[in-house]
Amino acid sequence: MTIRLLRTLVAIADTKTFSEAGKVVNVTHAAVSQQMQALESDLGIALFNRSTRTPELTPVGRQIVAKARQLIADYDNLVPSVLGDGGLGGVITLGVLRTTLTGLTPKAMAALKTKYPQIGLHIRPGLTGTILAEVERGNLDAGIITKPTQLPVDVVFRELAEEPMQLIASLEEAEADPLTLLATRPFIRFNRRAVVGAMIDSWILSKRIAVNETMELDSPEAITSMVHANLGVSIVPHLAVRPADAVPVKAIGLGPDAPRRTLGLVYQERQIKTRALDELYDALISVIDAARHRSDPSVSSGT
């Protein structure tokens, strides 16, 4: 029996399905089923009533879940309780995407520092693949990344926001059809080594559009500045938190099949700074929620 299996069990209790629990703990439906079979074998008891369509905990299973919640909390708080600072001291080394450097990251870091001034922050920009590798090696405490197709074992991904891709053009541009613009205007490509860049490339290929690429950049500010100067069009994420001094450009939706990136916070499951990272996650979510309400006051809160 491991903490990982107990986390999966609690996720099932919270989400009511193996599939949704798999999303929470970042494993497949089949892996969730295998983990629960292993846990039942280790404990020597039946945790689920398998005569029902959805997983239904047995009475003893519900008691195990209650104990598991307590064990997980004690495990997560083990080192912070010994250190005596509640896990809210020291320095957090955080890898971040460049697309978050002028909006989400500084606003969330300011909110965190206001609440916990004793926490130190060390920010390192990079691409998703590099940040994820550094988190896995333990060189970074956490990272803000685009969700990849696969995550390393024992790395947790906590979703922050979904950002659809959009086409951007100069304010002087009269054409409003994104496919026409891509086919007839110079194209400024988002770095194809980035997850977002590959996502954009796949969508363009699916539309069978031959773009006239004039440059490839990995700085969203640089891309927007080039577009603002009417040097071409580009496809970039519709940021959940926009920078206050964003360069004005025309944003055009790509339609219902627009590619979307899932932005999230990643860190190792066996992380001694769990409490601080929980507070970091809450700060990120609060900034995203505030930005969402400013753009659409009718949106209800929730994560």
C-alpha atoms as a PDB file:
ATOM      1  CA  MET A   1       0.000   0.000   0.000  1.00  0.00           C
ATOM      2  CA  THR A   2       1.383   3.430  -0.978  1.00  0.00           C
ATOM      3  CA  ILE A   3       0.314   7.047  -0.634  1.00  0.00           C
ATOM      4  CA  ARG A   4      -0.154   7.079  -4.421  1.00  0.00           C
ATOM      5  CA  LEU A   5      -2.796   4.321  -4.200  1.00  0.00           C
ATOM      6  CA  LEU A   6      -4.549   6.109  -1.365  1.00  0.00           C
ATOM      7  CA  ARG A   7      -4.622   9.359  -3.391  1.00  0.00           C
ATOM      8  CA  THR A   8      -6.283   7.460  -6.248  1.00  0.00           C
ATOM      9  CA  LEU A   9      -8.846   5.960  -3.870  1.00  0.00           C
ATOM     10  CA  VAL A  10      -9.728   9.388  -2.474  1.00  0.00           C
ATOM     11  CA  ALA A  11      -9.978  10.779  -6.025  1.00  0.00           C
ATOM     12  CA  ILE A  12     -12.504   8.064  -6.882  1.00  0.00           C
ATOM     13  CA  ALA A  13     -14.511   8.890  -3.768  1.00  0.00           C
ATOM     14  CA  ASP A  14     -14.524  12.577  -4.739  1.00  0.00           C
ATOM     15  CA  THR A  15     -15.255  12.237  -8.481  1.00  0.00           C
ATOM     16  CA  LYS A  16     -17.463   9.095  -8.376  1.00  0.00           C
ATOM     17  CA  THR A  17     -15.894   7.586 -11.518  1.00  0.00           C
ATOM     18  CA  PHE A  18     -12.627   5.868 -12.379  1.00  0.00           C
ATOM     19  CA  SER A  19     -12.241   8.002 -15.520  1.00  0.00           C
ATOM     20  CA  GLU A  20     -12.532  11.335 -13.693  1.00  0.00           C
ATOM     21  CA  ALA A  21     -10.301  10.071 -10.878  1.00  0.00           C
ATOM     22  CA  GLY A  22      -7.691   9.195 -13.510  1.00  0.00           C
ATOM     23  CA  LYS A  23      -7.693  12.823 -14.675  1.00  0.00           C
ATOM     24  CA  VAL A  24      -7.139  14.027 -11.105  1.00  0.00           C
ATOM     25  CA  VAL A  25      -4.144  11.756 -10.495  1.00  0.00           C
ATOM     26  CA  ASN A  26      -2.979  11.811 -14.146  1.00  0.00           C
ATOM     27  CA  VAL A  27      -3.277   8.124 -15.011  1.00  0.00           C
ATOM     28  CA  THR A  28      -5.517   6.184 -17.391  1.00  0.00           C
ATOM     29  CA  HIS A  29      -8.841   4.572 -16.507  1.00  0.00           C
ATOM     30  CA  ALA A  30      -7.157   1.165 -16.807  1.00  0.00           C
ATOM     31  CA  ALA A  31      -4.365   2.227 -14.439  1.00  0.00           C
ATOM     32  CA  VAL A  32      -6.910   3.394 -11.857  1.00  0.00           C
ATOM     33  CA  SER A  33      -8.629  -0.008 -12.031  1.00  0.00           C
ATOM     34  CA  GLN A  34      -5.303  -1.826 -11.656  1.00  0.00           C
ATOM     35  CA  GLN A  35      -4.313   0.369  -8.696  1.00  0.00           C
ATOM     36  CA  MET A  36      -7.580  -0.355  -6.900  1.00  0.00           C
ATOM     37  CA  GLN A  37      -7.222  -4.090  -7.495  1.00  0.00           C
ATOM     38  CA  ALA A  38      -3.717  -3.890  -6.018  1.00  0.00           C
ATOM     39  CA  LEU A  39      -4.973  -1.890  -3.024  1.00  0.00           C
ATOM     40  CA  GLU A  40      -7.800  -4.355  -2.351  1.00  0.00           C
ATOM     41  CA  SER A  41      -5.282  -7.210  -2.583  1.00  0.00           C
ATOM     42  CA  ASP A  42      -2.910  -5.468  -0.155  1.00  0.00           C
ATOM     43  CA  LEU A  43      -5.698  -4.755   2.348  1.00  0.00           C
ATOM     44  CA  GLY A  44      -7.479  -8.064   1.883  1.00  0.00           C
ATOM     45  CA  ILE A  45     -10.905  -6.390   1.633  1.00  0.00           C
ATOM     46  CA  ALA A  46     -13.378  -5.284  -1.042  1.00  0.00           C
ATOM     47  CA  LEU A  47     -13.460  -1.506  -1.370  1.00  0.00           C
ATOM     48  CA  PHE A  48     -16.107  -1.327  -4.115  1.00  0.00           C
ATOM     49  CA  ASN A  49     -19.460  -2.861  -4.895  1.00  0.00           C
ATOM     50  CA  ARG A  50     -18.829  -4.036  -8.456  1.00  0.00           C
ATOM     51  CA  SER A  51     -22.444  -4.933  -9.167  1.00  0.00           C
ATOM     52  CA  THR A  52     -23.220  -1.256  -9.864  1.00  0.00           C
ATOM     53  CA  ARG A  53     -22.437   0.674 -13.064  1.00  0.00           C
ATOM     54  CA  THR A  54     -20.505   3.390 -11.247  1.00  0.00           C
ATOM     55  CA  PRO A  55     -17.954   2.641  -8.507  1.00  0.00           C
ATOM     56  CA  GLU A  56     -19.790   2.473  -5.208  1.00  0.00           C
ATOM     57  CA  LEU A  57     -17.736   2.227  -2.023  1.00  0.00           C
ATOM     58  CA  THR A  58     -18.571  -0.530   0.410  1.00  0.00           C
ATOM     59  CA  PRO A  59     -19.185   0.508   4.037  1.00  0.00           C
ATOM     60  CA  VAL A  60     -15.648  -0.516   4.959  1.00  0.00           C
ATOM     61  CA  GLY A  61     -14.409   1.258   1.823  1.00  0.00           C
ATOM     62  CA  ARG A  62     -15.921   4.528   3.052  1.00  0.00           C
ATOM     63  CA  GLN A  63     -14.155   4.070   6.391  1.00  0.00           C
ATOM     64  CA  ILE A  64     -10.862   3.434   4.577  1.00  0.00           C
ATOM     65  CA  VAL A  65     -11.349   6.644   2.538  1.00  0.00           C
ATOM     66  CA  ALA A  66     -11.835   8.666   5.733  1.00  0.00           C
ATOM     67  CA  LYS A  67      -8.627   7.242   7.194  1.00  0.00           C
ATOM     68  CA  ALA A  68      -6.819   7.718   3.874  1.00  0.00           C
ATOM     69  CA  ARG A  69      -7.639  11.437   3.862  1.00  0.00           C
ATOM     70  CA  GLN A  70      -6.063  11.764   7.287  1.00  0.00           C
ATOM     71  CA  LEU A  71      -2.981   9.748   6.296  1.00  0.00           C
ATOM     72  CA  ILE A  72      -2.469  11.831   3.131  1.00  0.00           C
ATOM     73  CA  ALA A  73      -2.746  15.069   5.102  1.00  0.00           C
ATOM     74  CA  ASP A  74      -0.254  13.797   7.689  1.00  0.00           C
ATOM     75  CA  TYR A  75       2.119  12.660   4.923  1.00  0.00           C
ATOM     76  CA  ASP A  76       1.934  15.997   3.103  1.00  0.00           C
ATOM     77  CA  ASN A  77       2.578  17.872   6.339  1.00  0.00           C
ATOM     78  CA  LEU A  78       5.375  15.604   7.636  1.00  0.00           C
ATOM     79  CA  VAL A  79       8.405  17.711   6.733  1.00  0.00           C
ATOM     80  CA  PRO A  80       6.767  21.149   7.182  1.00  0.00           C
ATOM     81  CA  SER A  81       5.676  20.197  10.689  1.00  0.00           C
ATOM     82  CA  VAL A  82       9.240  19.196  11.585  1.00  0.00           C
ATOM     83  CA  LEU A  83      10.709  22.357  10.063  1.00  0.00           C
ATOM     84  CA  GLY A  84       8.422  24.416  12.259  1.00  0.00           C
ATOM     85  CA  ASP A  85       7.560  27.026   9.604  1.00  0.00           C
ATOM     86  CA  GLY A  86       4.362  25.364   8.436  1.00  0.00           C
ATOM     87  CA  GLY A  87       6.049  24.768   5.088  1.00  0.00           C
ATOM     88  CA  LEU A  88       5.722  28.466   4.272  1.00  0.00           C
ATOM     89  CA  GLY A  89       9.361  29.475   4.509  1.00  0.00           C
ATOM     90  CA  GLY A  90      12.397  29.127   2.279  1.00  0.00           C
ATOM     91  CA  VAL A  91      12.619  29.658  -1.468  1.00  0.00           C
ATOM     92  CA  ILE A  92      10.373  28.289  -4.217  1.00  0.00           C
ATOM     93  CA  THR A  93      12.177  27.772  -7.522  1.00  0.00           C
ATOM     94  CA  LEU A  94       9.535  28.050 -10.224  1.00  0.00           C
ATOM     95  CA  GLY A  95       9.813  27.425 -13.947  1.00  0.00           C
ATOM     96  CA  VAL A  96       7.342  29.445 -16.028  1.00  0.00           C
ATOM     97  CA  LEU A  97       6.287  29.766 -19.654  1.00  0.00           C
ATOM     98  CA  ARG A  98       7.243  33.030 -21.329  1.00  0.00           C
ATOM     99  CA  THR A  99       3.571  33.571 -22.214  1.00  0.00           C
ATOM    100  CA  THR A 100       2.850  33.988 -18.482  1.00  0.00           C
ATOM    101  CA  LEU A 101       5.767  36.301 -17.654  1.00  0.00           C
ATOM    102  CA  THR A 102       3.946  39.602 -18.137  1.00  0.00           C
ATOM    103  CA  GLY A 103       0.485  38.640 -16.883  1.00  0.00           C
ATOM    104  CA  LEU A 104      -0.256  35.598 -14.740  1.00  0.00           C
ATOM    105  CA  THR A 105       3.144  35.010 -13.117  1.00  0.00           C
ATOM    106  CA  PRO A 106       3.924  38.497 -11.747  1.00  0.00           C
ATOM    107  CA  LYS A 107       0.369  39.067 -10.507  1.00  0.00           C
ATOM    108  CA  ALA A 108       0.207  35.708  -8.745  1.00  0.00           C
ATOM    109  CA  MET A 109       3.687  36.083  -7.265  1.00  0.00           C
ATOM    110  CA  ALA A 110       2.754  39.522  -5.917  1.00  0.00           C
ATOM    111  CA  ALA A 111      -0.387  38.064  -4.316  1.00  0.00           C
ATOM    112  CA  LEU A 112       1.619  35.230  -2.739  1.00  0.00           C
ATOM    113  CA  LYS A 113       4.331  37.556  -1.403  1.00  0.00           C
ATOM    114  CA  THR A 114       1.735  39.917   0.053  1.00  0.00           C
ATOM    115  CA  LYS A 115       0.223  37.049   2.021  1.00  0.00           C
ATOM    116  CA  TYR A 116       3.487  35.265   2.872  1.00  0.00           C
ATOM    117  CA  PRO A 117       6.403  37.732   2.661  1.00  0.00           C
ATOM    118  CA  GLN A 118       8.762  35.132   4.169  1.00  0.00           C
ATOM    119  CA  ILE A 119       8.547  32.967   1.035  1.00  0.00           C
ATOM    120  CA  GLY A 120      11.364  33.571  -1.421  1.00  0.00           C
ATOM    121  CA  LEU A 121      10.787  33.177  -5.165  1.00  0.00           C
ATOM    122  CA  HIS A 122      13.241  32.265  -7.893  1.00  0.00           C
ATOM    123  CA  ILE A 123      11.681  32.401 -11.397  1.00  0.00           C
ATOM    124  CA  ARG A 124      13.171  30.632 -14.433  1.00  0.00           C
ATOM    125  CA  PRO A 125      11.481  31.028 -17.859  1.00  0.00           C
ATOM    126  CA  GLY A 126      11.515  28.130 -20.295  1.00  0.00           C
ATOM    127  CA  LEU A 127       9.562  25.779 -22.558  1.00  0.00           C
ATOM    128  CA  THR A 128       7.204  23.106 -21.236  1.00  0.00           C
ATOM    129  CA  GLY A 129       9.540  20.204 -22.000  1.00  0.00           C
ATOM    130  CA  THR A 130      12.529  21.822 -20.294  1.00  0.00           C
ATOM    131  CA  ILE A 131      10.545  22.898 -17.235  1.00  0.00           C
ATOM    132  CA  LEU A 132       8.967  19.458 -16.840  1.00  0.00           C
ATOM    133  CA  ALA A 133      12.355  17.730 -17.074  1.00  0.00           C
ATOM    134  CA  GLU A 134      13.816  20.061 -14.434  1.00  0.00           C
ATOM    135  CA  VAL A 135      10.867  19.431 -12.099  1.00  0.00           C
ATOM    136  CA  GLU A 136      11.317  15.678 -12.539  1.00  0.00           C
ATOM    137  CA  ARG A 137      15.050  15.957 -11.744  1.00  0.00           C
ATOM    138  CA  GLY A 138      14.334  18.063  -8.659  1.00  0.00           C
ATOM    139  CA  ASN A 139      16.097  21.150 -10.022  1.00  0.00           C
ATOM    140  CA  LEU A 140      12.815  23.095  -9.868  1.00  0.00           C
ATOM    141  CA  ASP A 141      10.215  22.912  -7.115  1.00  0.00           C
ATOM    142  CA  ALA A 142       7.362  23.521  -9.549  1.00  0.00           C
ATOM    143  CA  GLY A 143       6.498  24.798 -12.999  1.00  0.00           C
ATOM    144  CA  ILE A 144       3.716  26.526 -14.896  1.00  0.00           C
ATOM    145  CA  ILE A 145       3.425  24.592 -18.159  1.00  0.00           C
ATOM    146  CA  THR A 146       1.130  23.516 -20.975  1.00  0.00           C
ATOM    147  CA  LYS A 147      -0.216  20.049 -20.192  1.00  0.00           C
ATOM    148  CA  PRO A 148       1.814  17.519 -22.219  1.00  0.00           C
ATOM    149  CA  THR A 149       0.472  14.266 -23.667  1.00  0.00           C
ATOM    150  CA  GLN A 150       2.379  12.303 -21.012  1.00  0.00           C
ATOM    151  CA  LEU A 151       3.596  13.128 -17.523  1.00  0.00           C
ATOM    152  CA  PRO A 152       6.516  11.507 -15.712  1.00  0.00           C
ATOM    153  CA  VAL A 153       5.671   9.110 -12.907  1.00  0.00           C
ATOM    154  CA  ASP A 154       5.192  10.854  -9.534  1.00  0.00           C
ATOM    155  CA  VAL A 155       4.705  14.289 -11.112  1.00  0.00           C
ATOM    156  CA  VAL A 156       1.413  16.033 -10.264  1.00  0.00           C
ATOM    157  CA  PHE A 157      -0.381  18.320 -12.757  1.00  0.00           C
ATOM    158  CA  ARG A 158      -2.982  20.729 -11.323  1.00  0.00           C
ATOM    159  CA  GLU A 159      -5.059  22.485 -13.965  1.00  0.00           C
ATOM    160  CA  LEU A 160      -5.184  26.290 -13.898  1.00  0.00           C
ATOM    161  CA  ALA A 161      -6.981  27.362 -17.074  1.00  0.00           C
ATOM    162  CA  GLU A 162      -7.827  26.470 -20.649  1.00  0.00           C
ATOM    163  CA  GLU A 163      -6.615  28.927 -23.271  1.00  0.00           C
ATOM    164  CA  PRO A 164      -7.974  28.636 -26.831  1.00  0.00           C
ATOM    165  CA  MET A 165      -5.739  29.640 -29.702  1.00  0.00           C
ATOM    166  CA  GLN A 166      -6.686  32.789 -31.632  1.00  0.00           C
ATOM    167  CA  LEU A 167      -5.419  34.555 -34.718  1.00  0.00           C
ATOM    168  CA  ILE A 168      -4.023  38.037 -34.227  1.00  0.00           C
ATOM    169  CA  ALA A 169      -3.718  40.676 -36.935  1.00  0.00           C
ATOM    170  CA  SER A 170      -2.912  44.357 -37.209  1.00  0.00           C
ATOM    171  CA  LEU A 171      -5.656  46.804 -36.258  1.00  0.00           C
ATOM    172  CA  GLU A 172      -5.392  48.064 -39.855  1.00  0.00           C
ATOM    173  CA  GLU A 173      -6.367  44.644 -41.243  1.00  0.00           C
ATOM    174  CA  ALA A 174      -9.810  44.700 -42.918  1.00  0.00           C
ATOM    175  CA  GLU A 175     -10.155  40.944 -43.545  1.00  0.00           C
ATOM    176  CA  ALA A 176     -11.927  39.052 -40.735  1.00  0.00           C
ATOM    177  CA  ASP A 177     -11.797  35.421 -41.910  1.00  0.00           C
ATOM    178  CA  PRO A 178      -8.925  33.591 -40.151  1.00  0.00           C
ATOM    179  CA  LEU A 179      -8.431  30.991 -42.904  1.00  0.00           C
ATOM    180  CA  THR A 180      -8.208  33.667 -45.591  1.00  0.00           C
ATOM    181  CA  LEU A 181      -5.724  35.637 -43.519  1.00  0.00           C
ATOM    182  CA  LEU A 182      -3.533  32.576 -42.958  1.00  0.00           C
ATOM    183  CA  ALA A 183      -3.546  31.747 -46.650  1.00  0.00           C
ATOM    184  CA  THR A 184      -2.870  35.266 -47.943  1.00  0.00           C
ATOM    185  CA  ARG A 185      -0.816  37.127 -45.319  1.00  0.00           C
ATOM    186  CA  PRO A 186       2.767  36.586 -44.070  1.00  0.00           C
ATOM    187  CA  PHE A 187       2.733  34.172 -41.142  1.00  0.00           C
ATOM    188  CA  ILE A 188       4.700  34.726 -37.935  1.00  0.00           C
ATOM    189  CA  ARG A 189       5.128  31.288 -36.401  1.00  0.00           C
ATOM    190  CA  PHE A 190       5.111  30.502 -32.678  1.00  0.00           C
ATOM    191  CA  ASN A 191       8.228  28.474 -31.771  1.00  0.00           C
ATOM    192  CA  ARG A 192       7.432  24.959 -33.028  1.00  0.00           C
ATOM    193  CA  ARG A 193       9.599  23.406 -30.280  1.00  0.00           C
ATOM    194  CA  ALA A 194       7.006  24.587 -27.766  1.00  0.00           C
ATOM    195  CA  VAL A 195       3.925  22.453 -27.066  1.00  0.00           C
ATOM    196  CA  VAL A 196       1.751  25.372 -28.202  1.00  0.00           C
ATOM    197  CA  GLY A 197       3.757  25.761 -31.416  1.00  0.00           C
ATOM    198  CA  ALA A 198       3.276  22.095 -32.286  1.00  0.00           C
ATOM    199  CA  MET A 199      -0.434  22.379 -31.460  1.00  0.00           C
ATOM    200  CA  ILE A 200      -0.810  25.350 -33.806  1.00  0.00           C
ATOM    201  CA  ASP A 201       1.106  23.573 -36.588  1.00  0.00           C
ATOM    202  CA  SER A 202      -1.178  20.521 -36.327  1.00  0.00           C
ATOM    203  CA  TRP A 203      -4.283  22.674 -36.601  1.00  0.00           C
ATOM    204  CA  ILE A 204      -2.961  24.531 -39.662  1.00  0.00           C
ATOM    205  CA  LEU A 205      -2.121  21.209 -41.322  1.00  0.00           C
ATOM    206  CA  SER A 206      -5.628  19.913 -40.557  1.00  0.00           C
ATOM    207  CA  LYS A 207      -7.021  22.915 -42.455  1.00  0.00           C
ATOM    208  CA  ARG A 208      -4.731  22.189 -45.448  1.00  0.00           C
ATOM    209  CA  ILE A 209      -3.433  25.751 -45.471  1.00  0.00           C
ATOM    210  CA  ALA A 210      -0.026  26.556 -46.947  1.00  0.00           C
ATOM    211  CA  VAL A 211       1.202  29.502 -44.905  1.00  0.00           C
ATOM    212  CA  ASN A 212       3.877  31.947 -46.026  1.00  0.00           C
ATOM    213  CA  GLU A 213       6.159  31.830 -42.997  1.00  0.00           C
ATOM    214  CA  THR A 214       8.329  34.918 -42.574  1.00  0.00           C
ATOM    215  CA  MET A 215       9.690  34.403 -39.050  1.00  0.00           C
ATOM    216  CA  GLU A 216       9.554  32.085 -36.030  1.00  0.00           C
ATOM    217  CA  LEU A 217       9.635  33.592 -32.536  1.00  0.00           C
ATOM    218  CA  ASP A 218       9.280  32.244 -28.983  1.00  0.00           C
ATOM    219  CA  SER A 219       8.492  35.559 -27.307  1.00  0.00           C
ATOM    220  CA  PRO A 220       4.761  36.391 -27.301  1.00  0.00           C
ATOM    221  CA  GLU A 221       5.600  40.069 -26.843  1.00  0.00           C
ATOM    222  CA  ALA A 222       7.839  39.995 -29.919  1.00  0.00           C
ATOM    223  CA  ILE A 223       5.158  38.220 -31.973  1.00  0.00           C
ATOM    224  CA  THR A 224       2.498  40.730 -30.946  1.00  0.00           C
ATOM    225  CA  SER A 225       4.801  43.654 -31.722  1.00  0.00           C
ATOM    226  CA  MET A 226       5.504  42.287 -35.211  1.00  0.00           C
ATOM    227  CA  VAL A 227       1.786  41.805 -35.845  1.00  0.00           C
ATOM    228  CA  HIS A 228       1.039  45.291 -34.498  1.00  0.00           C
ATOM    229  CA  ALA A 229       3.520  46.668 -37.048  1.00  0.00           C
ATOM    230  CA  ASN A 230       1.495  44.932 -39.796  1.00  0.00           C
ATOM    231  CA  LEU A 231       4.327  42.544 -40.667  1.00  0.00           C
ATOM    232  CA  GLY A 232       2.045  39.516 -40.717  1.00  0.00           C
ATOM    233  CA  VAL A 233      -0.503  37.493 -38.762  1.00  0.00           C
ATOM    234  CA  SER A 234       0.038  34.880 -36.104  1.00  0.00           C
ATOM    235  CA  ILE A 235      -1.742  32.353 -33.904  1.00  0.00           C
ATOM    236  CA  VAL A 236      -1.212  32.650 -30.148  1.00  0.00           C
ATOM    237  CA  PRO A 237      -3.036  31.607 -26.964  1.00  0.00           C
ATOM    238  CA  HIS A 238      -5.911  33.766 -25.720  1.00  0.00           C
ATOM    239  CA  LEU A 239      -4.269  34.360 -22.350  1.00  0.00           C
ATOM    240  CA  ALA A 240      -6.307  33.795 -19.199  1.00  0.00           C
ATOM    241  CA  VAL A 241      -4.457  36.772 -17.674  1.00  0.00           C
ATOM    242  CA  ARG A 242      -3.384  39.456 -20.116  1.00  0.00           C
ATOM    243  CA  PRO A 243      -0.562  41.918 -19.380  1.00  0.00           C
ATOM    244  CA  ALA A 244      -1.745  45.377 -18.399  1.00  0.00           C
ATOM    245  CA  ASP A 245       0.294  47.058 -21.157  1.00  0.00           C
ATOM    246  CA  ALA A 246      -0.523  44.639 -23.975  1.00  0.00           C
ATOM    247  CA  VAL A 247       0.175  45.939 -27.488  1.00  0.00           C
ATOM    248  CA  PRO A 248      -3.184  46.459 -29.267  1.00  0.00           C
ATOM    249  CA  VAL A 249      -3.927  43.973 -32.050  1.00  0.00           C
ATOM    250  CA  LYS A 250      -7.077  42.522 -33.615  1.00  0.00           C
ATOM    251  CA  ALA A 251      -7.999  39.102 -32.124  1.00  0.00           C
ATOM    252  CA  ILE A 252     -10.024  36.693 -34.265  1.00  0.00           C
ATOM    253  CA  GLY A 253     -11.421  33.370 -33.036  1.00  0.00           C
ATOM    254  CA  LEU A 254     -10.562  30.179 -34.923  1.00  0.00           C
ATOM    255  CA  GLY A 255     -13.988  28.599 -34.547  1.00  0.00           C
ATOM    256  CA  PRO A 256     -15.351  25.691 -32.502  1.00  0.00           C
ATOM    257  CA  ASP A 257     -12.446  23.385 -33.361  1.00  0.00           C
ATOM    258  CA  ALA A 258      -9.783  25.872 -32.266  1.00  0.00           C
ATOM    259  CA  PRO A 259      -6.904  24.127 -30.501  1.00  0.00           C
ATOM    260  CA  ARG A 260      -6.770  24.784 -26.769  1.00  0.00           C
ATOM    261  CA  ARG A 261      -3.918  24.481 -24.331  1.00  0.00           C
ATOM    262  CA  THR A 262      -4.421  23.465 -20.723  1.00  0.00           C
ATOM    263  CA  LEU A 263      -2.249  25.546 -18.433  1.00  0.00           C
ATOM    264  CA  GLY A 264      -1.290  24.001 -15.109  1.00  0.00           C
ATOM    265  CA  LEU A 265       1.071  23.809 -12.156  1.00  0.00           C
ATOM    266  CA  VAL A 266       3.358  20.772 -11.948  1.00  0.00           C
ATOM    267  CA  TYR A 267       5.512  19.469  -9.118  1.00  0.00           C
ATOM    268  CA  GLN A 268       6.784  16.195  -7.734  1.00  0.00           C
ATOM    269  CA  GLU A 269       4.249  14.215  -5.733  1.00  0.00           C
ATOM    270  CA  ARG A 270       6.824  13.656  -2.985  1.00  0.00           C
ATOM    271  CA  GLN A 271       7.380  17.356  -2.450  1.00  0.00           C
ATOM    272  CA  ILE A 272       8.390  18.728   0.971  1.00  0.00           C
ATOM    273  CA  LYS A 273       7.052  22.199   0.118  1.00  0.00           C
ATOM    274  CA  THR A 274       3.472  21.000  -0.360  1.00  0.00           C
ATOM    275  CA  ARG A 275       1.902  23.699   1.804  1.00  0.00           C
ATOM    276  CA  ALA A 276       3.753  26.501   0.012  1.00  0.00           C
ATOM    277  CA  LEU A 277       2.847  25.050  -3.396  1.00  0.00           C
ATOM    278  CA  ASP A 278      -0.801  24.801  -2.351  1.00  0.00           C
ATOM    279  CA  GLU A 279      -0.679  28.513  -1.514  1.00  0.00           C
ATOM    280  CA  LEU A 280       1.048  29.223  -4.845  1.00  0.00           C
ATOM    281  CA  TYR A 281      -1.693  27.329  -6.686  1.00  0.00           C
ATOM    282  CA  ASP A 282      -4.388  29.262  -4.817  1.00  0.00           C
ATOM    283  CA  ALA A 283      -2.689  32.558  -5.737  1.00  0.00           C
ATOM    284  CA  LEU A 284      -2.594  31.568  -9.415  1.00  0.00           C
ATOM    285  CA  ILE A 285      -6.255  30.547  -9.390  1.00  0.00           C
ATOM    286  CA  SER A 286      -7.321  33.756  -7.636  1.00  0.00           C
ATOM    287  CA  VAL A 287      -5.575  35.884 -10.277  1.00  0.00           C
ATOM    288  CA  ILE A 288      -7.155  33.861 -13.104  1.00  0.00           C
ATOM    289  CA  ASP A 289     -10.610  34.128 -11.533  1.00  0.00           C
ATOM    290  CA  ALA A 290     -10.206  37.886 -11.081  1.00  0.00           C
ATOM    291  CA  ALA A 291      -9.198  38.286 -14.732  1.00  0.00           C
ATOM    292  CA  ARG A 292     -12.156  36.170 -15.855  1.00  0.00           C
ATOM    293  CA  HIS A 293     -14.565  38.318 -13.871  1.00  0.00           C
ATOM    294  CA  ARG A 294     -13.124  41.528 -15.293  1.00  0.00           C
ATOM    295  CA  SER A 295     -13.679  40.258 -18.847  1.00  0.00           C
ATOM    296  CA  ASP A 296     -17.105  38.741 -18.068  1.00  0.00           C
ATOM    297  CA  PRO A 297     -18.780  39.889 -14.814  1.00  0.00           C
ATOM    298  CA  SER A 298     -21.512  37.267 -15.262  1.00  0.00           C
ATOM    299  CA  VAL A 299     -19.073  34.381 -14.798  1.00  0.00           C
ATOM    300  CA  SER A 300     -19.554  32.549 -11.501  1.00  0.00           C
ATOM    301  CA  SER A 301     -16.561  31.662  -9.357  1.00  0.00           C
ATOM    302  CA  GLY A 302     -15.141  28.171  -9.103  1.00  0.00           C
ATOM    303  CA  THR A 303     -12.066  26.145 -10.019  1.00  0.00           C
END
